[in-house]
């Protein structure tokens, strides 16, 4: 694993664009809720730390990671957001279900980035086991939700500049 013994969620706030006037959406999968809750907390707190007003953060919940694409699409269409963070967790099991869900979600989020003018950030953990998910949702490898929020701020600023 590339992140072994590293916490990649530490960032320099001085290098992050001013997010004060942006509006962000967070779509969270309820499946593997202990993991996605940690990711959402990381994303939410990072947005707040970077001066996003509470009323400019919209949080929606969907049943599973597969439904993130629809949730993100509807959020873009109805909530006037500058970026969406799609948060989910898919943990390898004994069937091919893992492969199908991961592929569909990745392609769906990619498609939204191609067909809309609103950045959608992929914050879906695709781990081999529960411990890897724990380690990446606020554990020893940091919080991918934090990293996704930083990416969302940077992409919203880039999109505004363009």
Protein backbone atom coordinates (compact mmCIF):
# COMPACT_ATOMS: atom_id res chain seq x y z
CA UNK A 1 0.00 0.00 0.00
CA UNK A 2 1.38 3.36 -1.03
CA UNK A 3 0.14 5.09 2.12
CA UNK A 4 1.69 2.69 4.60
CA UNK A 5 2.84 4.57 7.72
CA UNK A 6 1.85 7.91 6.16
CA UNK A 7 -0.92 10.32 6.99
CA UNK A 8 -1.66 12.04 3.70
CA UNK A 9 -4.41 14.23 5.14
CA UNK A 10 -2.08 16.88 6.49
CA UNK A 11 -2.16 19.94 4.26
CA UNK A 12 -0.93 23.51 4.33
CA UNK A 13 -3.96 25.79 4.70
CA UNK A 14 -1.94 28.63 3.22
CA UNK A 15 -1.89 26.83 -0.14
CA UNK A 16 -5.67 26.38 -0.30
CA UNK A 17 -7.74 28.93 -2.26
CA UNK A 18 -10.20 31.09 -0.35
CA UNK A 19 -13.39 29.02 -0.06
CA UNK A 20 -15.49 31.62 1.75
CA UNK A 21 -17.86 32.28 -1.16
CA UNK A 22 -18.24 28.73 -2.43
CA UNK A 23 -21.14 26.33 -1.87
CA UNK A 24 -20.38 22.62 -1.51
CA UNK A 25 -22.43 19.47 -1.62
CA UNK A 26 -21.57 16.27 0.19
CA UNK A 27 -23.40 13.09 -0.82
CA UNK A 28 -22.82 10.28 1.68
CA UNK A 29 -23.52 6.57 1.34
CA UNK A 30 -25.25 5.00 4.34
CA UNK A 31 -23.66 1.62 3.57
CA UNK A 32 -20.61 0.99 5.79
CA UNK A 33 -21.88 3.91 7.86
CA UNK A 34 -19.08 3.80 10.44
CA UNK A 35 -16.60 4.43 7.64
CA UNK A 36 -18.60 6.98 5.64
CA UNK A 37 -19.43 8.93 8.80
CA UNK A 38 -15.71 9.40 9.46
CA UNK A 39 -15.12 10.49 5.87
CA UNK A 40 -18.01 12.97 6.05
CA UNK A 41 -16.68 14.44 9.31
CA UNK A 42 -13.25 14.89 7.69
CA UNK A 43 -14.73 16.61 4.64
CA UNK A 44 -17.14 18.78 6.63
CA UNK A 45 -14.55 19.93 9.16
CA UNK A 46 -12.05 20.73 6.39
CA UNK A 47 -14.60 22.89 4.59
CA UNK A 48 -15.39 24.74 7.83
CA UNK A 49 -11.66 25.18 8.60
CA UNK A 50 -11.30 26.80 5.19
CA UNK A 51 -14.01 29.40 5.88
CA UNK A 52 -17.00 27.80 4.14
CA UNK A 53 -20.16 29.00 5.87
CA UNK A 54 -22.36 26.32 7.45
CA UNK A 55 -25.29 27.33 5.24
CA UNK A 56 -23.07 26.73 2.18
CA UNK A 57 -22.61 23.04 2.92
CA UNK A 58 -25.43 20.76 1.77
CA UNK A 59 -25.33 17.15 3.00
CA UNK A 60 -27.50 14.40 1.51
CA UNK A 61 -27.55 10.69 2.29
CA UNK A 62 -28.12 7.86 -0.17
CA UNK A 63 -28.50 4.14 0.60
CA UNK A 64 -25.24 2.89 -0.91
CA UNK A 65 -22.23 3.82 -3.01
CA UNK A 66 -24.03 2.84 -6.22
CA UNK A 67 -26.57 5.60 -5.55
CA UNK A 68 -23.91 8.31 -5.12
CA UNK A 69 -23.96 9.12 -8.83
CA UNK A 70 -27.68 9.86 -8.87
CA UNK A 71 -27.43 11.84 -5.64
CA UNK A 72 -24.55 13.92 -6.98
CA UNK A 73 -26.37 14.51 -10.28
CA UNK A 74 -29.53 15.74 -8.54
CA UNK A 75 -27.51 17.89 -6.16
CA UNK A 76 -25.83 19.60 -9.11
CA UNK A 77 -29.21 20.14 -10.76
CA UNK A 78 -31.02 21.52 -7.71
CA UNK A 79 -28.63 22.99 -5.15
CA UNK A 80 -26.41 25.48 -7.01
CA UNK A 81 -23.19 23.99 -5.64
CA UNK A 82 -19.66 24.77 -6.80
CA UNK A 83 -18.46 21.19 -6.20
CA UNK A 84 -19.81 17.90 -4.88
CA UNK A 85 -17.95 15.38 -2.75
CA UNK A 86 -19.25 11.82 -3.23
CA UNK A 87 -18.46 9.76 -0.12
CA UNK A 88 -18.72 5.99 0.01
CA UNK A 89 -17.05 2.80 1.14
CA UNK A 90 -16.99 -0.52 -0.69
CA UNK A 91 -15.19 -3.39 1.03
CA UNK A 92 -14.10 -6.50 -0.86
CA UNK A 93 -16.27 -9.54 -0.22
CA UNK A 94 -16.36 -13.03 -1.64
CA UNK A 95 -18.29 -12.18 -4.82
CA UNK A 96 -17.81 -9.96 -7.86
CA UNK A 97 -20.31 -7.45 -6.45
CA UNK A 98 -17.35 -5.35 -5.22
CA UNK A 99 -15.95 -5.09 -8.77
CA UNK A 100 -19.27 -4.14 -10.32
CA UNK A 101 -20.08 -1.47 -7.74
CA UNK A 102 -16.58 0.06 -7.77
CA UNK A 103 -16.48 0.20 -11.57
CA UNK A 104 -19.99 1.67 -11.88
CA UNK A 105 -19.41 4.36 -9.26
CA UNK A 106 -16.02 5.37 -10.66
CA UNK A 107 -17.40 5.57 -14.19
CA UNK A 108 -20.52 7.41 -13.05
CA UNK A 109 -18.57 10.06 -11.20
CA UNK A 110 -16.21 10.39 -14.15
CA UNK A 111 -19.23 10.83 -16.42
CA UNK A 112 -20.62 13.62 -14.22
CA UNK A 113 -17.28 15.40 -14.46
CA UNK A 114 -17.45 15.17 -18.25
CA UNK A 115 -21.11 16.13 -18.79
CA UNK A 116 -21.59 18.82 -16.13
CA UNK A 117 -19.69 21.97 -15.32
CA UNK A 118 -19.56 21.14 -11.61
CA UNK A 119 -16.61 19.15 -10.25
CA UNK A 120 -17.53 15.89 -8.49
CA UNK A 121 -14.85 14.56 -6.18
CA UNK A 122 -14.41 10.79 -5.84
CA UNK A 123 -14.18 9.98 -2.12
CA UNK A 124 -15.14 6.33 -2.31
CA UNK A 125 -12.90 3.96 -0.41
CA UNK A 126 -12.43 0.66 -2.25
CA UNK A 127 -10.66 -1.45 0.33
CA UNK A 128 -9.74 -5.10 0.66
CA UNK A 129 -10.89 -5.26 4.28
CA UNK A 130 -12.48 -3.29 7.09
CA UNK A 131 -9.17 -2.38 8.72
CA UNK A 132 -7.96 -0.65 5.56
CA UNK A 133 -11.19 1.37 5.49
CA UNK A 134 -10.80 2.33 9.16
CA UNK A 135 -7.19 3.38 8.56
CA UNK A 136 -8.22 5.67 5.69
CA UNK A 137 -11.35 7.23 7.27
CA UNK A 138 -9.68 8.91 10.21
CA UNK A 139 -7.16 6.27 11.26
CA UNK A 140 -3.43 5.93 10.85
CA UNK A 141 -3.48 6.88 7.16
CA UNK A 142 -5.44 10.05 7.75
CA UNK A 143 -8.86 10.84 6.37
CA UNK A 144 -9.66 10.68 2.68
CA UNK A 145 -12.65 12.94 3.42
CA UNK A 146 -10.21 15.69 4.36
CA UNK A 147 -8.29 15.15 1.14
CA UNK A 148 -11.51 15.18 -0.89
CA UNK A 149 -12.58 18.51 0.64
CA UNK A 150 -9.21 20.04 -0.24
CA UNK A 151 -9.63 18.77 -3.81
CA UNK A 152 -13.18 20.17 -3.94
CA UNK A 153 -12.00 23.62 -2.87
CA UNK A 154 -9.19 23.60 -5.42
CA UNK A 155 -11.48 22.44 -8.21
CA UNK A 156 -14.18 24.99 -7.35
CA UNK A 157 -11.53 27.74 -7.48
CA UNK A 158 -10.15 26.45 -10.77
CA UNK A 159 -13.64 26.25 -12.26
CA UNK A 160 -14.40 29.81 -11.14
CA UNK A 161 -11.14 31.04 -12.69
CA UNK A 162 -11.94 29.39 -16.01
